[in-house]
Amino acid sequence: MNLKKIYHDCLGTCIFLDNGFVEVGIPLEYGIRIGHFSLVGKQNIFFEQPADMQELTTEKGWRVRGGHRLWLAPESEKVYYPDNEPISYQLLENGVELSQREDPWLHIQKTVTLCFIDDYKVEVHHRVKNMSQEVIEASLWAVTSVVGGGVQYIDFQSREGGMDPWHRISMWDYTDLGDKRAKYFADGIQLTHMPVKEKYKIGVGHPYGAVRYEMEDVTFIKDFTVLPDEKYPDGNVSYETFLCRHMVEMESLSPLQKIKPGDWAEHSETWELRRK
């Protein structure tokens, strides 16, 4: 594993890690965020929010920034705590562990561990500790913001047909199911990013746990475990995606969990880049 510490024009002071095939960049001045993921020496596939962009921000100082972040679902005003303080990191044999101070709005501590597991694959393990005196019921929510211009494919899990409905889709107030970016099929959904002003967000109950986003040169695959018998947030969906004119968010969720004071909850993903 190779390591360098640099100043990035958009991300600020970062550490960059690579295994000779893929590289990740981690901002140190705020977060926890993973701000860069690419083939070594190639363009970042993650969205980078320009410093002067007024969209995708809140009045209290939170910014999308881009890249990958860890939230709790269901969504509330508390998840928008401005994570603008430095993070800590500890290098591992094949990766890095990132830690954040206690979130004063949610009263949790976040830890994200990233490890290289194959030439073009990394595992991202998310952990949340309940620092409050009350039980927290929530889902760990892994949100990845990727650059626009690609096509996302959300395949459905299949089963033998029955009398009861199997597939489930949640839609947000601003979502138009007739949106020209979206195509619905019996076995999945195809979403093409376009630089249009209308926002679009849906959640899917039983996706096949390897959602992919195809760009010009590479395909990004976000792999996670879906447990159909467990309860999930937002209408019982295990995957959500949001499109705006700047980017696409690919969002996996853990089942809803009751996290006791002092206990940890966990959720993992695998990321892969495939050359086209």
C-alpha atoms as a PDB file:
ATOM      1  CA  MET A   1       0.000   0.000   0.000  1.00  0.00           C
ATOM      2  CA  ASN A   2       1.325   3.416  -0.970  1.00  0.00           C
ATOM      3  CA  LEU A   3       0.649   6.581   1.036  1.00  0.00           C
ATOM      4  CA  LYS A   4       1.080  10.278   0.341  1.00  0.00           C
ATOM      5  CA  LYS A   5      -0.160  13.413   2.062  1.00  0.00           C
ATOM      6  CA  ILE A   6      -1.054  16.300  -0.233  1.00  0.00           C
ATOM      7  CA  TYR A   7      -3.065  19.487  -0.470  1.00  0.00           C
ATOM      8  CA  HIS A   8      -5.957  19.090  -2.916  1.00  0.00           C
ATOM      9  CA  ASP A   9      -7.515  22.225  -4.426  1.00  0.00           C
ATOM     10  CA  CYS A  10     -11.069  21.075  -3.657  1.00  0.00           C
ATOM     11  CA  LEU A  11     -10.672  18.582  -0.807  1.00  0.00           C
ATOM     12  CA  GLY A  12      -8.027  20.386   1.226  1.00  0.00           C
ATOM     13  CA  THR A  13      -5.309  18.513   3.128  1.00  0.00           C
ATOM     14  CA  CYS A  14      -5.684  14.800   2.350  1.00  0.00           C
ATOM     15  CA  ILE A  15      -4.041  11.441   2.584  1.00  0.00           C
ATOM     16  CA  PHE A  16      -4.081   9.391  -0.603  1.00  0.00           C
ATOM     17  CA  LEU A  17      -3.727   5.612  -0.446  1.00  0.00           C
ATOM     18  CA  ASP A  18      -3.354   3.180  -3.349  1.00  0.00           C
ATOM     19  CA  ASN A  19      -2.612  -0.481  -3.982  1.00  0.00           C
ATOM     20  CA  GLY A  20      -1.218   0.048  -7.462  1.00  0.00           C
ATOM     21  CA  PHE A  21      -4.637  -0.349  -9.098  1.00  0.00           C
ATOM     22  CA  VAL A  22      -7.118   1.962  -7.335  1.00  0.00           C
ATOM     23  CA  GLU A  23      -6.592   4.976  -5.098  1.00  0.00           C
ATOM     24  CA  VAL A  24      -8.632   6.713  -2.417  1.00  0.00           C
ATOM     25  CA  GLY A  25      -8.315  10.239  -1.061  1.00  0.00           C
ATOM     26  CA  ILE A  26      -9.426  11.162   2.453  1.00  0.00           C
ATOM     27  CA  PRO A  27      -9.833  14.785   3.600  1.00  0.00           C
ATOM     28  CA  LEU A  28      -8.383  15.421   7.060  1.00  0.00           C
ATOM     29  CA  GLU A  29      -9.818  18.884   7.757  1.00  0.00           C
ATOM     30  CA  TYR A  30     -13.469  17.765   7.941  1.00  0.00           C
ATOM     31  CA  GLY A  31     -15.545  14.621   7.766  1.00  0.00           C
ATOM     32  CA  ILE A  32     -15.607  11.683   7.982  1.00  0.00           C
ATOM     33  CA  ARG A  33     -15.622  11.800   4.160  1.00  0.00           C
ATOM     34  CA  ILE A  34     -13.915   9.724   1.518  1.00  0.00           C
ATOM     35  CA  GLY A  35     -13.413  12.341  -1.149  1.00  0.00           C
ATOM     36  CA  HIS A  36     -11.655  10.489  -3.957  1.00  0.00           C
ATOM     37  CA  PHE A  37     -11.928   7.056  -5.585  1.00  0.00           C
ATOM     38  CA  SER A  38     -10.399   6.245  -8.950  1.00  0.00           C
ATOM     39  CA  LEU A  39      -8.062   4.059 -10.912  1.00  0.00           C
ATOM     40  CA  VAL A  40      -4.517   5.074 -10.012  1.00  0.00           C
ATOM     41  CA  GLY A  41      -3.634   8.344 -11.721  1.00  0.00           C
ATOM     42  CA  LYS A  42      -7.081   8.731 -13.284  1.00  0.00           C
ATOM     43  CA  GLN A  43      -9.970  11.127 -12.762  1.00  0.00           C
ATOM     44  CA  ASN A  44     -11.963  11.032  -9.528  1.00  0.00           C
ATOM     45  CA  ILE A  45     -15.331   9.288  -9.993  1.00  0.00           C
ATOM     46  CA  PHE A  46     -16.730  11.068  -6.921  1.00  0.00           C
ATOM     47  CA  PHE A  47     -18.452  14.432  -7.122  1.00  0.00           C
ATOM     48  CA  GLU A  48     -16.404  17.359  -5.769  1.00  0.00           C
ATOM     49  CA  GLN A  49     -18.393  20.379  -4.591  1.00  0.00           C
ATOM     50  CA  PRO A  50     -16.744  23.680  -5.575  1.00  0.00           C
ATOM     51  CA  ALA A  51     -15.968  25.952  -2.629  1.00  0.00           C
ATOM     52  CA  ASP A  52     -18.167  28.748  -3.995  1.00  0.00           C
ATOM     53  CA  MET A  53     -21.208  26.556  -4.700  1.00  0.00           C
ATOM     54  CA  GLN A  54     -24.253  27.777  -2.753  1.00  0.00           C
ATOM     55  CA  GLU A  55     -26.417  24.806  -3.683  1.00  0.00           C
ATOM     56  CA  LEU A  56     -26.182  21.591  -1.659  1.00  0.00           C
ATOM     57  CA  THR A  57     -25.479  23.529   1.550  1.00  0.00           C
ATOM     58  CA  THR A  58     -27.423  24.566   4.661  1.00  0.00           C
ATOM     59  CA  GLU A  59     -27.632  27.878   6.464  1.00  0.00           C
ATOM     60  CA  LYS A  60     -25.854  26.321   9.461  1.00  0.00           C
ATOM     61  CA  GLY A  61     -22.768  25.380   7.470  1.00  0.00           C
ATOM     62  CA  TRP A  62     -23.256  21.803   6.324  1.00  0.00           C
ATOM     63  CA  ARG A  63     -22.053  21.058   2.784  1.00  0.00           C
ATOM     64  CA  VAL A  64     -22.469  18.001   0.588  1.00  0.00           C
ATOM     65  CA  ARG A  65     -18.775  18.339  -0.319  1.00  0.00           C
ATOM     66  CA  GLY A  66     -19.074  15.144  -2.389  1.00  0.00           C
ATOM     67  CA  GLY A  67     -17.549  11.723  -2.012  1.00  0.00           C
ATOM     68  CA  HIS A  68     -18.763   9.268   0.590  1.00  0.00           C
ATOM     69  CA  ARG A  69     -20.265   9.936   4.007  1.00  0.00           C
ATOM     70  CA  LEU A  70     -22.003   8.066   6.831  1.00  0.00           C
ATOM     71  CA  TRP A  71     -25.409   9.211   8.070  1.00  0.00           C
ATOM     72  CA  LEU A  72     -28.291   7.818  10.087  1.00  0.00           C
ATOM     73  CA  ALA A  73     -31.749   7.234   8.599  1.00  0.00           C
ATOM     74  CA  PRO A  74     -34.567   8.198   8.664  1.00  0.00           C
ATOM     75  CA  GLU A  75     -33.474  11.631   7.515  1.00  0.00           C
ATOM     76  CA  SER A  76     -33.946  14.523   9.929  1.00  0.00           C
ATOM     77  CA  GLU A  77     -32.485  17.964  10.535  1.00  0.00           C
ATOM     78  CA  LYS A  78     -30.049  16.372  13.005  1.00  0.00           C
ATOM     79  CA  VAL A  79     -28.122  14.510  10.297  1.00  0.00           C
ATOM     80  CA  TYR A  80     -27.078  17.864   8.828  1.00  0.00           C
ATOM     81  CA  TYR A  81     -24.583  18.633  11.581  1.00  0.00           C
ATOM     82  CA  PRO A  82     -21.775  20.686   9.941  1.00  0.00           C
ATOM     83  CA  ASP A  83     -18.953  18.130  10.044  1.00  0.00           C
ATOM     84  CA  ASN A  84     -16.287  20.792   9.586  1.00  0.00           C
ATOM     85  CA  GLU A  85     -13.791  19.675  12.264  1.00  0.00           C
ATOM     86  CA  PRO A  86     -10.613  17.643  11.632  1.00  0.00           C
ATOM     87  CA  ILE A  87     -10.798  13.856  11.800  1.00  0.00           C
ATOM     88  CA  SER A  88      -8.347  11.292  13.163  1.00  0.00           C
ATOM     89  CA  TYR A  89      -6.907   8.373  11.235  1.00  0.00           C
ATOM     90  CA  GLN A  90      -4.890   5.252  11.933  1.00  0.00           C
ATOM     91  CA  LEU A  91      -3.094   3.383   9.180  1.00  0.00           C
ATOM     92  CA  LEU A  92      -3.675  -0.363   8.911  1.00  0.00           C
ATOM     93  CA  GLU A  93      -1.703  -3.007   7.039  1.00  0.00           C
ATOM     94  CA  ASN A  94      -4.017  -2.756   4.019  1.00  0.00           C
ATOM     95  CA  GLY A  95      -6.049   0.369   4.672  1.00  0.00           C
ATOM     96  CA  VAL A  96      -7.013   3.048   7.161  1.00  0.00           C
ATOM     97  CA  GLU A  97      -9.427   3.623  10.046  1.00  0.00           C
ATOM     98  CA  LEU A  98     -11.091   7.039  10.282  1.00  0.00           C
ATOM     99  CA  SER A  99     -12.625   8.469  13.448  1.00  0.00           C
ATOM    100  CA  GLN A 100     -14.751  11.525  14.159  1.00  0.00           C
ATOM    101  CA  ARG A 101     -15.458  13.332  17.400  1.00  0.00           C
ATOM    102  CA  GLU A 102     -18.914  12.842  18.889  1.00  0.00           C
ATOM    103  CA  ASP A 103     -21.643  14.323  16.723  1.00  0.00           C
ATOM    104  CA  PRO A 104     -23.321  16.759  19.158  1.00  0.00           C
ATOM    105  CA  TRP A 105     -26.665  16.700  17.325  1.00  0.00           C
ATOM    106  CA  LEU A 106     -27.095  12.928  17.057  1.00  0.00           C
ATOM    107  CA  HIS A 107     -24.883  12.038  20.051  1.00  0.00           C
ATOM    108  CA  ILE A 108     -23.042   9.343  18.146  1.00  0.00           C
ATOM    109  CA  GLN A 109     -19.441   8.642  17.252  1.00  0.00           C
ATOM    110  CA  LYS A 110     -18.687   7.562  13.688  1.00  0.00           C
ATOM    111  CA  THR A 111     -15.864   5.285  12.556  1.00  0.00           C
ATOM    112  CA  VAL A 112     -15.177   4.213   8.967  1.00  0.00           C
ATOM    113  CA  THR A 113     -12.590   1.600   8.025  1.00  0.00           C
ATOM    114  CA  LEU A 114     -11.456   1.272   4.409  1.00  0.00           C
ATOM    115  CA  CYS A 115      -9.356  -1.718   3.285  1.00  0.00           C
ATOM    116  CA  PHE A 116      -8.018  -2.848  -0.084  1.00  0.00           C
ATOM    117  CA  ILE A 117      -9.296  -6.417  -0.585  1.00  0.00           C
ATOM    118  CA  ASP A 118      -8.476  -7.071  -4.259  1.00  0.00           C
ATOM    119  CA  ASP A 119      -6.832  -5.282  -7.170  1.00  0.00           C
ATOM    120  CA  TYR A 120      -9.863  -3.143  -7.959  1.00  0.00           C
ATOM    121  CA  LYS A 121     -11.949  -3.605  -4.812  1.00  0.00           C
ATOM    122  CA  VAL A 122     -12.101  -1.938  -1.408  1.00  0.00           C
ATOM    123  CA  GLU A 123     -14.260  -2.754   1.600  1.00  0.00           C
ATOM    124  CA  VAL A 124     -15.807   0.128   3.514  1.00  0.00           C
ATOM    125  CA  HIS A 125     -16.973  -0.771   7.026  1.00  0.00           C
ATOM    126  CA  HIS A 126     -19.137   1.747   8.898  1.00  0.00           C
ATOM    127  CA  ARG A 127     -19.605   1.805  12.670  1.00  0.00           C
ATOM    128  CA  VAL A 128     -21.703   4.056  14.886  1.00  0.00           C
ATOM    129  CA  LYS A 129     -21.497   4.211  18.691  1.00  0.00           C
ATOM    130  CA  ASN A 130     -24.405   5.519  20.743  1.00  0.00           C
ATOM    131  CA  MET A 131     -22.916   8.178  23.025  1.00  0.00           C
ATOM    132  CA  SER A 132     -26.270   9.208  24.526  1.00  0.00           C
ATOM    133  CA  GLN A 133     -28.205   7.864  27.495  1.00  0.00           C
ATOM    134  CA  GLU A 134     -31.152   6.788  25.353  1.00  0.00           C
ATOM    135  CA  VAL A 135     -31.733   3.951  22.909  1.00  0.00           C
ATOM    136  CA  ILE A 136     -31.373   5.136  19.313  1.00  0.00           C
ATOM    137  CA  GLU A 137     -33.440   3.389  16.644  1.00  0.00           C
ATOM    138  CA  ALA A 138     -31.892   4.062  13.269  1.00  0.00           C
ATOM    139  CA  SER A 139     -30.407   2.646  10.109  1.00  0.00           C
ATOM    140  CA  LEU A 140     -26.796   3.204   9.103  1.00  0.00           C
ATOM    141  CA  TRP A 141     -26.912   5.098   5.826  1.00  0.00           C
ATOM    142  CA  ALA A 142     -23.915   4.957   3.474  1.00  0.00           C
ATOM    143  CA  VAL A 143     -24.162   7.799   0.948  1.00  0.00           C
ATOM    144  CA  THR A 144     -21.844   7.998  -2.067  1.00  0.00           C
ATOM    145  CA  SER A 145     -21.943  11.047  -4.372  1.00  0.00           C
ATOM    146  CA  VAL A 146     -20.623  10.304  -7.857  1.00  0.00           C
ATOM    147  CA  VAL A 147     -20.018  12.575 -10.835  1.00  0.00           C
ATOM    148  CA  GLY A 148     -22.828  13.236 -13.274  1.00  0.00           C
ATOM    149  CA  GLY A 149     -23.100  12.011 -16.830  1.00  0.00           C
ATOM    150  CA  GLY A 150     -23.364   8.278 -16.159  1.00  0.00           C
ATOM    151  CA  VAL A 151     -26.085   5.624 -16.138  1.00  0.00           C
ATOM    152  CA  GLN A 152     -27.154   3.807 -12.974  1.00  0.00           C
ATOM    153  CA  TYR A 153     -28.579   0.282 -13.002  1.00  0.00           C
ATOM    154  CA  ILE A 154     -30.590  -1.019 -10.044  1.00  0.00           C
ATOM    155  CA  ASP A 155     -31.394  -4.705 -10.593  1.00  0.00           C
ATOM    156  CA  PHE A 156     -34.160  -6.373  -8.592  1.00  0.00           C
ATOM    157  CA  GLN A 157     -33.848  -9.569  -6.606  1.00  0.00           C
ATOM    158  CA  SER A 158     -35.924 -12.315  -8.201  1.00  0.00           C
ATOM    159  CA  ARG A 159     -38.135 -15.052  -6.742  1.00  0.00           C
ATOM    160  CA  GLU A 160     -40.898 -17.395  -7.787  1.00  0.00           C
ATOM    161  CA  GLY A 161     -44.077 -15.403  -8.415  1.00  0.00           C
ATOM    162  CA  GLY A 162     -46.793 -15.354  -5.748  1.00  0.00           C
ATOM    163  CA  MET A 163     -50.044 -13.695  -4.743  1.00  0.00           C
ATOM    164  CA  ASP A 164     -48.315 -11.077  -2.590  1.00  0.00           C
ATOM    165  CA  PRO A 165     -46.313  -8.084  -3.887  1.00  0.00           C
ATOM    166  CA  TRP A 166     -42.562  -8.403  -3.666  1.00  0.00           C
ATOM    167  CA  HIS A 167     -40.977  -5.285  -5.132  1.00  0.00           C
ATOM    168  CA  ARG A 168     -41.307  -2.002  -3.279  1.00  0.00           C
ATOM    169  CA  ILE A 169     -40.512   1.545  -4.386  1.00  0.00           C
ATOM    170  CA  SER A 170     -40.654   4.689  -2.253  1.00  0.00           C
ATOM    171  CA  MET A 171     -40.834   8.079  -3.938  1.00  0.00           C
ATOM    172  CA  TRP A 172     -40.251  11.558  -2.548  1.00  0.00           C
ATOM    173  CA  ASP A 173     -42.611  14.526  -2.968  1.00  0.00           C
ATOM    174  CA  TYR A 174     -40.591  16.055  -5.800  1.00  0.00           C
ATOM    175  CA  THR A 175     -40.135  12.787  -7.725  1.00  0.00           C
ATOM    176  CA  ASP A 176     -41.886  12.357 -11.067  1.00  0.00           C
ATOM    177  CA  LEU A 177     -42.119   8.673 -12.001  1.00  0.00           C
ATOM    178  CA  GLY A 178     -42.459   9.793 -15.622  1.00  0.00           C
ATOM    179  CA  ASP A 179     -39.112  11.608 -15.468  1.00  0.00           C
ATOM    180  CA  LYS A 180     -37.189  11.252 -18.730  1.00  0.00           C
ATOM    181  CA  ARG A 181     -34.098  10.123 -16.800  1.00  0.00           C
ATOM    182  CA  ALA A 182     -35.855   6.996 -15.519  1.00  0.00           C
ATOM    183  CA  LYS A 183     -36.751   3.717 -17.220  1.00  0.00           C
ATOM    184  CA  TYR A 184     -38.606   1.002 -15.307  1.00  0.00           C
ATOM    185  CA  PHE A 185     -38.387  -2.658 -16.263  1.00  0.00           C
ATOM    186  CA  ALA A 186     -39.646  -5.927 -14.779  1.00  0.00           C
ATOM    187  CA  ASP A 187     -36.160  -6.759 -13.522  1.00  0.00           C
ATOM    188  CA  GLY A 188     -34.838  -3.329 -12.562  1.00  0.00           C
ATOM    189  CA  ILE A 189     -34.546   0.421 -13.020  1.00  0.00           C
ATOM    190  CA  GLN A 190     -32.212   2.429 -15.260  1.00  0.00           C
ATOM    191  CA  LEU A 191     -31.431   6.044 -14.348  1.00  0.00           C
ATOM    192  CA  THR A 192     -29.502   8.301 -16.705  1.00  0.00           C
ATOM    193  CA  HIS A 193     -28.002  11.420 -15.169  1.00  0.00           C
ATOM    194  CA  MET A 194     -28.754  14.646 -17.018  1.00  0.00           C
ATOM    195  CA  PRO A 195     -27.879  18.238 -16.025  1.00  0.00           C
ATOM    196  CA  VAL A 196     -31.506  19.253 -15.428  1.00  0.00           C
ATOM    197  CA  LYS A 197     -32.793  21.331 -12.510  1.00  0.00           C
ATOM    198  CA  GLU A 198     -35.453  18.865 -11.332  1.00  0.00           C
ATOM    199  CA  LYS A 199     -34.480  16.605  -8.431  1.00  0.00           C
ATOM    200  CA  TYR A 200     -35.317  12.909  -8.399  1.00  0.00           C
ATOM    201  CA  LYS A 201     -35.206  10.417  -5.531  1.00  0.00           C
ATOM    202  CA  ILE A 202     -36.529   6.893  -5.042  1.00  0.00           C
ATOM    203  CA  GLY A 203     -35.966   4.015  -2.640  1.00  0.00           C
ATOM    204  CA  VAL A 204     -36.036   0.347  -3.596  1.00  0.00           C
ATOM    205  CA  GLY A 205     -37.040  -2.442  -1.228  1.00  0.00           C
ATOM    206  CA  HIS A 206     -35.385  -5.502  -2.730  1.00  0.00           C
ATOM    207  CA  PRO A 207     -32.552  -4.517  -5.036  1.00  0.00           C
ATOM    208  CA  TYR A 208     -29.945  -7.023  -6.026  1.00  0.00           C
ATOM    209  CA  GLY A 209     -27.104  -5.901  -3.781  1.00  0.00           C
ATOM    210  CA  ALA A 210     -24.680  -4.779  -6.463  1.00  0.00           C
ATOM    211  CA  VAL A 211     -25.870  -1.475  -7.871  1.00  0.00           C
ATOM    212  CA  ARG A 212     -23.693  -0.175 -10.698  1.00  0.00           C
ATOM    213  CA  TYR A 213     -23.006   3.198 -12.275  1.00  0.00           C
ATOM    214  CA  GLU A 214     -21.521   3.218 -15.766  1.00  0.00           C
ATOM    215  CA  MET A 215     -19.322   6.112 -16.849  1.00  0.00           C
ATOM    216  CA  GLU A 216     -17.352   6.664 -20.033  1.00  0.00           C
ATOM    217  CA  ASP A 217     -14.262   4.686 -19.047  1.00  0.00           C
ATOM    218  CA  VAL A 218     -15.190   2.739 -15.900  1.00  0.00           C
ATOM    219  CA  THR A 219     -18.087   1.139 -14.066  1.00  0.00           C
ATOM    220  CA  PHE A 220     -18.481   1.751 -10.331  1.00  0.00           C
ATOM    221  CA  ILE A 221     -20.124  -1.106  -8.422  1.00  0.00           C
ATOM    222  CA  LYS A 222     -21.464  -0.624  -4.911  1.00  0.00           C
ATOM    223  CA  ASP A 223     -22.068  -4.035  -3.323  1.00  0.00           C
ATOM    224  CA  PHE A 224     -23.922  -4.545  -0.023  1.00  0.00           C
ATOM    225  CA  THR A 225     -26.057  -7.130   1.750  1.00  0.00           C
ATOM    226  CA  VAL A 226     -29.840  -6.912   1.499  1.00  0.00           C
ATOM    227  CA  LEU A 227     -31.881  -8.795   4.124  1.00  0.00           C
ATOM    228  CA  PRO A 228     -35.472  -9.106   2.836  1.00  0.00           C
ATOM    229  CA  ASP A 229     -36.866 -10.305   6.168  1.00  0.00           C
ATOM    230  CA  GLU A 230     -35.536  -7.296   8.114  1.00  0.00           C
ATOM    231  CA  LYS A 231     -37.236  -3.923   8.552  1.00  0.00           C
ATOM    232  CA  TYR A 232     -35.724  -0.901   6.794  1.00  0.00           C
ATOM    233  CA  PRO A 233     -36.548   2.843   6.938  1.00  0.00           C
ATOM    234  CA  ASP A 234     -38.373   5.095   4.454  1.00  0.00           C
ATOM    235  CA  GLY A 235     -41.116   2.637   3.529  1.00  0.00           C
ATOM    236  CA  ASN A 236     -38.927  -0.428   4.102  1.00  0.00           C
ATOM    237  CA  VAL A 237     -36.309   0.225   1.414  1.00  0.00           C
ATOM    238  CA  SER A 238     -32.691  -0.921   1.562  1.00  0.00           C
ATOM    239  CA  TYR A 239     -31.339   1.284  -1.221  1.00  0.00           C
ATOM    240  CA  GLU A 240     -32.006   4.901  -2.209  1.00  0.00           C
ATOM    241  CA  THR A 241     -30.739   7.141  -4.957  1.00  0.00           C
ATOM    242  CA  PHE A 242     -30.909  10.902  -5.487  1.00  0.00           C
ATOM    243  CA  LEU A 243     -30.248  12.806  -8.705  1.00  0.00           C
ATOM    244  CA  CYS A 244     -29.776  16.535  -9.166  1.00  0.00           C
ATOM    245  CA  ARG A 245     -28.143  18.487 -11.961  1.00  0.00           C
ATOM    246  CA  HIS A 246     -24.683  18.193 -10.369  1.00  0.00           C
ATOM    247  CA  MET A 247     -24.381  14.576  -9.236  1.00  0.00           C
ATOM    248  CA  VAL A 248     -25.890  11.203  -8.366  1.00  0.00           C
ATOM    249  CA  GLU A 249     -26.091   9.831  -4.821  1.00  0.00           C
ATOM    250  CA  MET A 250     -25.961   6.048  -4.363  1.00  0.00           C
ATOM    251  CA  GLU A 251     -27.182   5.185  -0.876  1.00  0.00           C
ATOM    252  CA  SER A 252     -27.254   1.774   0.829  1.00  0.00           C
ATOM    253  CA  LEU A 253     -28.951   1.247   4.188  1.00  0.00           C
ATOM    254  CA  SER A 254     -28.671  -1.238   7.008  1.00  0.00           C
ATOM    255  CA  PRO A 255     -31.805  -2.665   8.628  1.00  0.00           C
ATOM    256  CA  LEU A 256     -33.269  -0.521  11.395  1.00  0.00           C
ATOM    257  CA  GLN A 257     -31.462  -1.239  14.652  1.00  0.00           C
ATOM    258  CA  LYS A 258     -32.035  -0.360  18.296  1.00  0.00           C
ATOM    259  CA  ILE A 259     -28.636   0.860  19.484  1.00  0.00           C
ATOM    260  CA  LYS A 260     -28.309   0.879  23.260  1.00  0.00           C
ATOM    261  CA  PRO A 261     -26.196   3.479  25.077  1.00  0.00           C
ATOM    262  CA  GLY A 262     -22.538   2.579  24.644  1.00  0.00           C
ATOM    263  CA  ASP A 263     -23.221  -0.016  21.925  1.00  0.00           C
ATOM    264  CA  TRP A 264     -22.047  -0.038  18.316  1.00  0.00           C
ATOM    265  CA  ALA A 265     -23.990  -0.681  15.093  1.00  0.00           C
ATOM    266  CA  GLU A 266     -22.315  -1.722  11.833  1.00  0.00           C
ATOM    267  CA  HIS A 267     -22.842  -1.739   8.078  1.00  0.00           C
ATOM    268  CA  SER A 268     -20.454  -2.688   5.246  1.00  0.00           C
ATOM    269  CA  GLU A 269     -20.113  -2.119   1.515  1.00  0.00           C
ATOM    270  CA  THR A 270     -17.674  -3.240  -1.164  1.00  0.00           C
ATOM    271  CA  TRP A 271     -16.680  -0.844  -3.939  1.00  0.00           C
ATOM    272  CA  GLU A 272     -15.268  -2.005  -7.258  1.00  0.00           C
ATOM    273  CA  LEU A 273     -14.027  -0.221 -10.361  1.00  0.00           C
ATOM    274  CA  ARG A 274     -14.131  -2.066 -13.686  1.00  0.00           C
ATOM    275  CA  ARG A 275     -12.413  -0.776 -16.785  1.00  0.00           C
ATOM    276  CA  LYS A 276     -14.643  -0.606 -19.865  1.00  0.00           C
END
